[in-house]
Protein backbone atom coordinates (compact mmCIF):
# COMPACT_ATOMS: atom_id res chain seq x y z
CA MET A 1 -6.31 38.50 -53.31
CA MET A 2 -4.76 35.24 -52.28
CA THR A 3 -1.37 36.13 -53.72
CA ASN A 4 -1.29 39.48 -51.92
CA THR A 5 -2.05 37.79 -48.60
CA LEU A 6 0.74 35.27 -49.10
CA ARG A 7 3.20 37.97 -50.09
CA SER A 8 2.31 40.01 -47.00
CA PHE A 9 2.75 36.99 -44.75
CA ALA A 10 6.09 36.06 -46.33
CA SER A 11 7.42 39.62 -46.04
CA GLY A 12 6.34 39.71 -42.36
CA LEU A 13 8.31 36.54 -41.70
CA LEU A 14 11.33 37.95 -43.50
CA ILE A 15 11.26 41.19 -41.48
CA ALA A 16 10.86 39.32 -38.15
CA THR A 17 13.74 36.98 -38.98
CA THR A 18 15.99 39.84 -40.01
CA THR A 19 15.23 41.77 -36.80
CA ILE A 20 15.95 38.75 -34.58
CA GLY A 21 19.17 38.01 -36.44
CA ALA A 22 20.36 41.61 -36.07
CA VAL A 23 19.70 41.60 -32.32
CA TYR A 24 21.51 38.29 -31.97
CA LEU A 25 24.57 39.38 -33.96
CA PHE A 26 24.92 42.98 -32.79
CA GLY A 27 23.59 42.65 -29.24
CA PRO A 28 25.70 42.26 -26.08
CA SER A 29 28.14 39.36 -26.24
CA THR A 30 28.25 38.57 -22.51
CA ALA A 31 25.45 37.94 -20.07
CA GLU A 32 25.28 40.10 -17.01
CA SER A 33 24.50 38.59 -13.65
CA THR A 34 21.51 39.90 -11.74
CA ALA A 35 22.63 38.31 -8.46
CA LYS A 36 23.83 40.50 -5.62
CA PRO A 37 27.59 40.34 -5.07
CA ALA A 38 28.72 38.30 -2.05
CA GLU A 39 29.38 40.45 0.99
CA SER A 40 32.41 38.63 2.22
CA VAL A 41 33.87 35.22 1.55
CA GLU A 42 35.12 34.97 5.12
CA LYS A 43 31.60 35.33 6.55
CA GLN A 44 30.32 32.41 4.44
CA ILE A 45 32.86 29.89 5.71
CA LEU A 46 31.32 27.83 8.52
CA SER A 47 33.06 25.60 10.98
CA GLU A 48 32.25 21.89 11.03
CA ASP A 49 30.08 22.22 14.14
CA GLU A 50 28.17 25.16 12.63
CA MET A 51 27.53 23.18 9.43
CA ILE A 52 26.26 20.17 11.42
CA GLU A 53 24.04 22.41 13.54
CA GLN A 54 22.63 24.21 10.49
CA LEU A 55 21.93 20.96 8.62
CA ALA A 56 20.36 19.34 11.70
CA SER A 57 18.07 22.36 12.15
CA ASN A 58 16.89 21.84 8.55
CA GLY A 59 16.01 18.19 9.22
CA PHE A 60 19.12 16.44 7.93
CA VAL A 61 20.80 13.58 9.82
CA ILE A 62 24.57 13.75 9.91
CA HIS A 63 26.82 10.73 10.57
CA THR A 64 30.53 10.22 10.52
CA GLU A 65 31.87 7.67 8.08
CA GLU A 66 32.44 5.19 10.93
CA GLU A 67 28.83 5.53 12.14
CA TRP A 68 27.55 5.14 8.59
CA ASN A 69 29.55 1.94 8.01
CA LYS A 70 28.20 0.47 11.27
CA GLN A 71 24.64 1.19 10.19
CA LEU A 72 25.24 -0.35 6.75
CA ALA A 73 26.68 -3.50 8.32
CA ALA A 74 23.73 -3.79 10.71
CA ALA A 75 21.25 -3.26 7.86
CA SER A 76 22.85 -5.92 5.65
CA ALA A 77 22.90 -8.41 8.55
CA ASN A 78 19.24 -7.65 9.24
CA LYS A 79 18.41 -8.12 5.55
CA GLU A 80 20.12 -11.53 5.46
CA THR A 81 18.16 -12.63 8.54
CA GLU A 82 14.88 -11.48 6.99
CA GLU A 83 15.69 -13.30 3.73
CA LYS A 84 16.33 -16.56 5.60
CA GLN A 85 13.06 -16.20 7.51
CA GLY A 86 11.24 -15.34 4.28
CA GLU A 87 12.57 -18.49 2.60
CA LYS A 88 11.39 -20.64 5.51
CA GLU A 89 7.95 -19.01 5.48
CA LYS A 90 7.73 -19.40 1.71
CA LYS A 91 8.49 -23.13 1.91
CA THR A 92 5.84 -23.70 4.57
CA ALA A 93 3.32 -21.52 2.69
CA GLU A 94 3.89 -23.46 -0.54
CA GLU A 95 3.22 -26.74 1.22
CA LYS A 96 -0.09 -25.55 2.68
CA VAL A 97 -1.68 -23.94 -0.40
CA VAL A 98 -4.69 -25.83 -1.74
CA TYR A 99 -6.51 -24.48 -4.77
CA ARG A 100 -10.21 -25.11 -5.19
CA ALA A 101 -12.20 -24.53 -8.34
CA ILE A 102 -15.72 -25.02 -9.59
CA LEU A 103 -15.79 -25.96 -13.25
CA SER A 104 -18.93 -25.66 -15.32
CA VAL A 105 -18.82 -28.01 -18.30
CA SER A 106 -21.30 -27.09 -21.04
CA MET A 107 -22.35 -28.77 -24.26
CA GLY A 108 -19.78 -28.31 -27.00
CA MET A 109 -16.75 -28.17 -24.71
CA THR A 110 -13.87 -30.47 -25.47
CA SER A 111 -11.45 -32.22 -23.16
CA ILE A 112 -8.82 -29.70 -24.29
CA ASP A 113 -11.05 -26.85 -23.00
CA VAL A 114 -11.51 -28.68 -19.70
CA GLY A 115 -7.77 -29.32 -19.37
CA ASN A 116 -6.95 -25.67 -20.05
CA ALA A 117 -9.55 -24.51 -17.51
CA LEU A 118 -8.16 -26.89 -14.87
CA GLU A 119 -4.64 -25.67 -15.62
CA LYS A 120 -5.71 -22.02 -15.23
CA ALA A 121 -7.32 -22.88 -11.90
CA LYS A 122 -4.03 -24.52 -10.81
CA ILE A 123 -5.73 -27.88 -10.25
CA ILE A 124 -3.43 -29.67 -12.71
CA LYS A 125 0.01 -28.73 -14.02
CA ASP A 126 -0.51 -29.27 -17.75
CA GLY A 127 -3.78 -29.13 -19.70
CA MET A 128 -2.33 -31.02 -22.68
CA GLU A 129 -1.19 -33.83 -20.40
CA PHE A 130 -4.78 -34.09 -19.16
CA TYR A 131 -6.07 -34.21 -22.75
CA LYS A 132 -3.57 -36.92 -23.71
CA GLU A 133 -4.59 -39.03 -20.72
CA VAL A 134 -8.29 -38.69 -21.65
CA GLU A 135 -7.51 -39.57 -25.27
CA LYS A 136 -5.40 -42.53 -24.17
CA ARG A 137 -8.37 -43.88 -22.21
CA GLY A 138 -10.74 -43.25 -25.14
CA LEU A 139 -13.03 -40.95 -23.12
CA GLU A 140 -12.83 -37.78 -25.24
CA ASN A 141 -16.45 -38.22 -26.42
CA GLU A 142 -17.77 -39.13 -22.94
CA LEU A 143 -17.59 -35.63 -21.43
CA ARG A 144 -20.73 -34.97 -19.42
CA PRO A 145 -22.12 -31.47 -18.89
CA GLY A 146 -22.55 -30.12 -15.39
CA THR A 147 -20.86 -28.24 -12.56
CA PHE A 148 -17.99 -29.97 -10.78
CA GLU A 149 -15.81 -29.02 -7.80
CA PHE A 150 -12.08 -29.78 -7.74
CA GLU A 151 -9.09 -29.35 -5.41
CA SER A 152 -5.44 -29.16 -6.35
CA GLY A 153 -4.64 -32.31 -4.34
CA MET A 154 -6.87 -34.53 -6.49
CA SER A 155 -5.26 -37.16 -8.69
CA MET A 156 -5.71 -37.30 -12.45
CA GLU A 157 -7.80 -40.47 -11.96
CA GLU A 158 -10.23 -38.69 -9.59
CA ILE A 159 -10.61 -35.72 -11.93
CA ILE A 160 -11.27 -37.87 -15.00
CA SER A 161 -13.76 -40.10 -13.19
CA THR A 162 -15.65 -37.03 -11.97
CA ILE A 163 -16.07 -35.36 -15.38
CA PHE A 164 -16.36 -38.31 -17.76
CA LYS A 165 -19.01 -41.08 -17.82
């Protein structure tokens, strides 16, 4: 029964393909338009004022090339002024930012972990530099557990003396 089903399916596909191919080859060669023919070309031509009026009634804003160039020049001058003000504000904002962090040191943490946590909190610039300074002082095994508060303005000396014995 399986072979009969497959043969029937295959012959159905063959018939469908043949029918589609015949329609494609022997059907009409040009497409016919379903659009209505234009009444008159002369009636469709609008004057400049009529075009502006029609576009304005549909919500469009129309400018001459001279008006457009003036607006572009004014916009670029305004943008330059805003960029200069933004740079000034950015410089003053960068000077005033102070980061604060509370670090919880638990048993099993290393000075590398502490340095990386302080770097993520933007208290220090480089966690490995912190680790090297601790190692240089021989304090890597003197890390004491607890919760400590830090600010980004603190020196490396203050941070190390707070965390280590």
